[in-house]
Amino acid sequence: MGPLQFPQVGFVVTTLTVSDERVFEFHNRRGTAEQYIKEGEYALKWTRLSCKSFGANEVRLQLHALAYNLANILRTLVLPASITDWSLSSLRDRMIKVGAKAIRHARSITLQLAEVAVPRELWAQMLATISDITAMAQAP
């Protein structure tokens, strides 16, 4: 069964004065943006603005937007190819909300993470990528 057997019929009403192809391209990108917004709502709960004052809710929403942007930076620049399709909820649950034990030594602190969510090799790849990005940013 191919696409000709089940054609997709729809209508787009617009005041744009560009070609049909450009209108559909714009419309499709808009749908992608709405999916990102929905992902932020589910993963970060950024629509939960339960503070009593408008200013406090404003700050809360800005912090959620910052967390969303940082998560997307992590997803686009740092994640290995094998896990780039993880949703923000998966990233949050497997990388941030993970149990860890901090062991303090004389000059360092070691974090022991459970390997159930993210294997050691993936953490090593991500840390190496972050190190490379840092080195490139500091290069003259």
C-alpha atoms as a PDB file:
ATOM      1  CA  MET A   1       0.000   0.000   0.000  1.00  0.00           C
ATOM      2  CA  GLY A   2       1.558   3.217  -1.112  1.00  0.00           C
ATOM      3  CA  PRO A   3       0.784   6.875  -0.660  1.00  0.00           C
ATOM      4  CA  LEU A   4      -1.442   6.914  -3.757  1.00  0.00           C
ATOM      5  CA  GLN A   5      -3.936   4.550  -2.168  1.00  0.00           C
ATOM      6  CA  PHE A   6      -4.417   6.807   0.862  1.00  0.00           C
ATOM      7  CA  PRO A   7      -3.891  10.378  -0.328  1.00  0.00           C
ATOM      8  CA  GLN A   8      -3.542  13.077   2.281  1.00  0.00           C
ATOM      9  CA  VAL A   9      -6.051  15.795   1.589  1.00  0.00           C
ATOM     10  CA  GLY A  10      -6.018  19.043   3.504  1.00  0.00           C
ATOM     11  CA  PHE A  11      -6.492  22.735   3.176  1.00  0.00           C
ATOM     12  CA  VAL A  12      -4.280  25.626   4.202  1.00  0.00           C
ATOM     13  CA  VAL A  13      -5.873  29.055   4.201  1.00  0.00           C
ATOM     14  CA  THR A  14      -3.314  31.846   4.213  1.00  0.00           C
ATOM     15  CA  THR A  15      -2.659  35.419   3.217  1.00  0.00           C
ATOM     16  CA  LEU A  16       0.945  34.633   2.273  1.00  0.00           C
ATOM     17  CA  THR A  17       1.828  35.727  -1.261  1.00  0.00           C
ATOM     18  CA  VAL A  18       4.470  33.109  -1.988  1.00  0.00           C
ATOM     19  CA  SER A  19       4.431  29.892  -3.995  1.00  0.00           C
ATOM     20  CA  ASP A  20       2.401  26.894  -2.853  1.00  0.00           C
ATOM     21  CA  GLU A  21       5.567  24.947  -2.040  1.00  0.00           C
ATOM     22  CA  ARG A  22       6.789  27.716   0.273  1.00  0.00           C
ATOM     23  CA  VAL A  23       3.413  27.854   2.026  1.00  0.00           C
ATOM     24  CA  PHE A  24       3.482  24.111   2.760  1.00  0.00           C
ATOM     25  CA  GLU A  25       7.127  24.281   3.829  1.00  0.00           C
ATOM     26  CA  PHE A  26       6.258  27.083   6.277  1.00  0.00           C
ATOM     27  CA  HIS A  27       3.208  25.173   7.529  1.00  0.00           C
ATOM     28  CA  ASN A  28       5.207  21.981   8.113  1.00  0.00           C
ATOM     29  CA  ARG A  29       7.903  23.833  10.073  1.00  0.00           C
ATOM     30  CA  ARG A  30       5.184  25.379  12.211  1.00  0.00           C
ATOM     31  CA  GLY A  31       3.959  21.894  13.076  1.00  0.00           C
ATOM     32  CA  THR A  32       7.480  20.879  14.087  1.00  0.00           C
ATOM     33  CA  ALA A  33       7.740  23.923  16.364  1.00  0.00           C
ATOM     34  CA  GLU A  34       4.451  22.990  18.011  1.00  0.00           C
ATOM     35  CA  GLN A  35       5.807  19.491  18.667  1.00  0.00           C
ATOM     36  CA  TYR A  36       8.824  21.031  20.431  1.00  0.00           C
ATOM     37  CA  ILE A  37       6.505  23.180  22.541  1.00  0.00           C
ATOM     38  CA  LYS A  38       4.432  20.133  23.487  1.00  0.00           C
ATOM     39  CA  GLU A  39       7.622  18.244  24.362  1.00  0.00           C
ATOM     40  CA  GLY A  40       8.628  21.077  26.707  1.00  0.00           C
ATOM     41  CA  GLU A  41       5.207  20.998  28.335  1.00  0.00           C
ATOM     42  CA  TYR A  42       5.464  17.265  29.048  1.00  0.00           C
ATOM     43  CA  ALA A  43       9.138  16.996  29.951  1.00  0.00           C
ATOM     44  CA  LEU A  44       9.581  20.200  31.959  1.00  0.00           C
ATOM     45  CA  LYS A  45       6.007  20.890  33.045  1.00  0.00           C
ATOM     46  CA  TRP A  46       6.500  24.532  32.047  1.00  0.00           C
ATOM     47  CA  THR A  47       2.792  25.226  31.966  1.00  0.00           C
ATOM     48  CA  ARG A  48       2.591  24.640  35.711  1.00  0.00           C
ATOM     49  CA  LEU A  49       2.751  28.228  36.875  1.00  0.00           C
ATOM     50  CA  SER A  50       1.329  27.860  40.352  1.00  0.00           C
ATOM     51  CA  CYS A  51       3.011  30.788  42.092  1.00  0.00           C
ATOM     52  CA  LYS A  52       0.787  33.479  43.622  1.00  0.00           C
ATOM     53  CA  SER A  53       2.326  36.482  41.885  1.00  0.00           C
ATOM     54  CA  PHE A  54       2.688  37.244  38.207  1.00  0.00           C
ATOM     55  CA  GLY A  55       6.398  38.091  38.633  1.00  0.00           C
ATOM     56  CA  ALA A  56       7.157  34.752  40.287  1.00  0.00           C
ATOM     57  CA  ASN A  57       5.372  32.887  37.484  1.00  0.00           C
ATOM     58  CA  GLU A  58       7.319  34.930  34.943  1.00  0.00           C
ATOM     59  CA  VAL A  59      10.631  33.907  36.518  1.00  0.00           C
ATOM     60  CA  ARG A  60       9.485  30.300  36.723  1.00  0.00           C
ATOM     61  CA  LEU A  61       8.608  30.244  33.011  1.00  0.00           C
ATOM     62  CA  GLN A  62      11.954  31.825  32.119  1.00  0.00           C
ATOM     63  CA  LEU A  63      13.790  29.160  34.122  1.00  0.00           C
ATOM     64  CA  HIS A  64      11.822  26.452  32.318  1.00  0.00           C
ATOM     65  CA  ALA A  65      12.725  28.020  28.959  1.00  0.00           C
ATOM     66  CA  LEU A  66      16.397  28.105  30.000  1.00  0.00           C
ATOM     67  CA  ALA A  67      16.271  24.436  31.025  1.00  0.00           C
ATOM     68  CA  TYR A  68      14.612  23.571  27.703  1.00  0.00           C
ATOM     69  CA  ASN A  69      17.307  25.422  25.740  1.00  0.00           C
ATOM     70  CA  LEU A  70      20.108  23.764  27.715  1.00  0.00           C
ATOM     71  CA  ALA A  71      18.558  20.344  27.115  1.00  0.00           C
ATOM     72  CA  ASN A  72      18.336  21.048  23.379  1.00  0.00           C
ATOM     73  CA  ILE A  73      21.965  22.200  23.323  1.00  0.00           C
ATOM     74  CA  LEU A  74      22.887  18.942  25.032  1.00  0.00           C
ATOM     75  CA  ARG A  75      20.811  16.982  22.556  1.00  0.00           C
ATOM     76  CA  THR A  76      22.189  18.684  19.421  1.00  0.00           C
ATOM     77  CA  LEU A  77      25.846  19.153  20.349  1.00  0.00           C
ATOM     78  CA  VAL A  78      26.770  16.493  22.885  1.00  0.00           C
ATOM     79  CA  LEU A  79      24.706  13.336  22.556  1.00  0.00           C
ATOM     80  CA  PRO A  80      26.202  10.405  20.634  1.00  0.00           C
ATOM     81  CA  ALA A  81      24.370   9.391  17.469  1.00  0.00           C
ATOM     82  CA  SER A  82      22.944   6.276  19.135  1.00  0.00           C
ATOM     83  CA  ILE A  83      20.757   8.321  21.504  1.00  0.00           C
ATOM     84  CA  THR A  84      20.013  11.540  19.587  1.00  0.00           C
ATOM     85  CA  ASP A  85      16.414  10.438  19.122  1.00  0.00           C
ATOM     86  CA  TRP A  86      15.717  10.370  22.869  1.00  0.00           C
ATOM     87  CA  SER A  87      12.955  12.689  23.983  1.00  0.00           C
ATOM     88  CA  LEU A  88      13.544  15.322  26.648  1.00  0.00           C
ATOM     89  CA  SER A  89      11.620  13.131  29.087  1.00  0.00           C
ATOM     90  CA  SER A  90      14.010  10.241  28.412  1.00  0.00           C
ATOM     91  CA  LEU A  91      17.028  12.506  28.837  1.00  0.00           C
ATOM     92  CA  ARG A  92      15.641  13.850  32.106  1.00  0.00           C
ATOM     93  CA  ASP A  93      14.795  10.422  33.501  1.00  0.00           C
ATOM     94  CA  ARG A  94      17.933   8.605  32.346  1.00  0.00           C
ATOM     95  CA  MET A  95      20.610  11.272  32.817  1.00  0.00           C
ATOM     96  CA  ILE A  96      19.455  13.857  35.333  1.00  0.00           C
ATOM     97  CA  LYS A  97      17.137  11.966  37.667  1.00  0.00           C
ATOM     98  CA  VAL A  98      19.613   9.174  38.194  1.00  0.00           C
ATOM     99  CA  GLY A  99      20.933   7.950  41.509  1.00  0.00           C
ATOM    100  CA  ALA A 100      24.559   8.743  42.227  1.00  0.00           C
ATOM    101  CA  LYS A 101      26.978   8.393  45.087  1.00  0.00           C
ATOM    102  CA  ALA A 102      29.554  11.133  45.656  1.00  0.00           C
ATOM    103  CA  ILE A 103      32.875   9.900  47.026  1.00  0.00           C
ATOM    104  CA  ARG A 104      35.191  12.577  48.352  1.00  0.00           C
ATOM    105  CA  HIS A 105      38.930  12.055  48.117  1.00  0.00           C
ATOM    106  CA  ALA A 106      41.702  14.387  49.218  1.00  0.00           C
ATOM    107  CA  ARG A 107      41.709  16.465  46.006  1.00  0.00           C
ATOM    108  CA  SER A 108      38.749  15.215  43.992  1.00  0.00           C
ATOM    109  CA  ILE A 109      35.182  14.082  44.127  1.00  0.00           C
ATOM    110  CA  THR A 110      34.132  10.970  42.228  1.00  0.00           C
ATOM    111  CA  LEU A 111      30.526  10.366  41.219  1.00  0.00           C
ATOM    112  CA  GLN A 112      29.417   6.768  40.979  1.00  0.00           C
ATOM    113  CA  LEU A 113      26.376   6.548  38.701  1.00  0.00           C
ATOM    114  CA  ALA A 114      24.119   3.582  38.129  1.00  0.00           C
ATOM    115  CA  GLU A 115      24.799   2.157  34.653  1.00  0.00           C
ATOM    116  CA  VAL A 116      21.214   1.014  34.253  1.00  0.00           C
ATOM    117  CA  ALA A 117      20.082   4.156  32.427  1.00  0.00           C
ATOM    118  CA  VAL A 118      23.202   5.274  30.521  1.00  0.00           C
ATOM    119  CA  PRO A 119      26.226   3.001  30.038  1.00  0.00           C
ATOM    120  CA  ARG A 120      29.727   4.171  30.923  1.00  0.00           C
ATOM    121  CA  GLU A 121      30.781   4.339  27.261  1.00  0.00           C
ATOM    122  CA  LEU A 122      28.026   6.852  26.445  1.00  0.00           C
ATOM    123  CA  TRP A 123      29.005   9.050  29.394  1.00  0.00           C
ATOM    124  CA  ALA A 124      32.631   8.891  28.231  1.00  0.00           C
ATOM    125  CA  GLN A 125      31.641   9.931  24.684  1.00  0.00           C
ATOM    126  CA  MET A 126      29.562  12.846  25.975  1.00  0.00           C
ATOM    127  CA  LEU A 127      32.307  14.077  28.316  1.00  0.00           C
ATOM    128  CA  ALA A 128      34.862  13.860  25.487  1.00  0.00           C
ATOM    129  CA  THR A 129      32.567  15.882  23.215  1.00  0.00           C
ATOM    130  CA  ILE A 130      32.095  18.523  25.925  1.00  0.00           C
ATOM    131  CA  SER A 131      35.868  18.638  26.382  1.00  0.00           C
ATOM    132  CA  ASP A 132      36.366  19.127  22.635  1.00  0.00           C
ATOM    133  CA  ILE A 133      33.770  21.919  22.523  1.00  0.00           C
ATOM    134  CA  THR A 134      35.426  23.625  25.490  1.00  0.00           C
ATOM    135  CA  ALA A 135      38.848  23.349  23.856  1.00  0.00           C
ATOM    136  CA  MET A 136      37.527  24.848  20.599  1.00  0.00           C
ATOM    137  CA  ALA A 137      35.874  27.712  22.476  1.00  0.00           C
ATOM    138  CA  GLN A 138      39.109  28.543  24.312  1.00  0.00           C
ATOM    139  CA  ALA A 139      41.323  28.356  21.222  1.00  0.00           C
ATOM    140  CA  PRO A 140      42.470  31.771  19.966  1.00  0.00           C
END
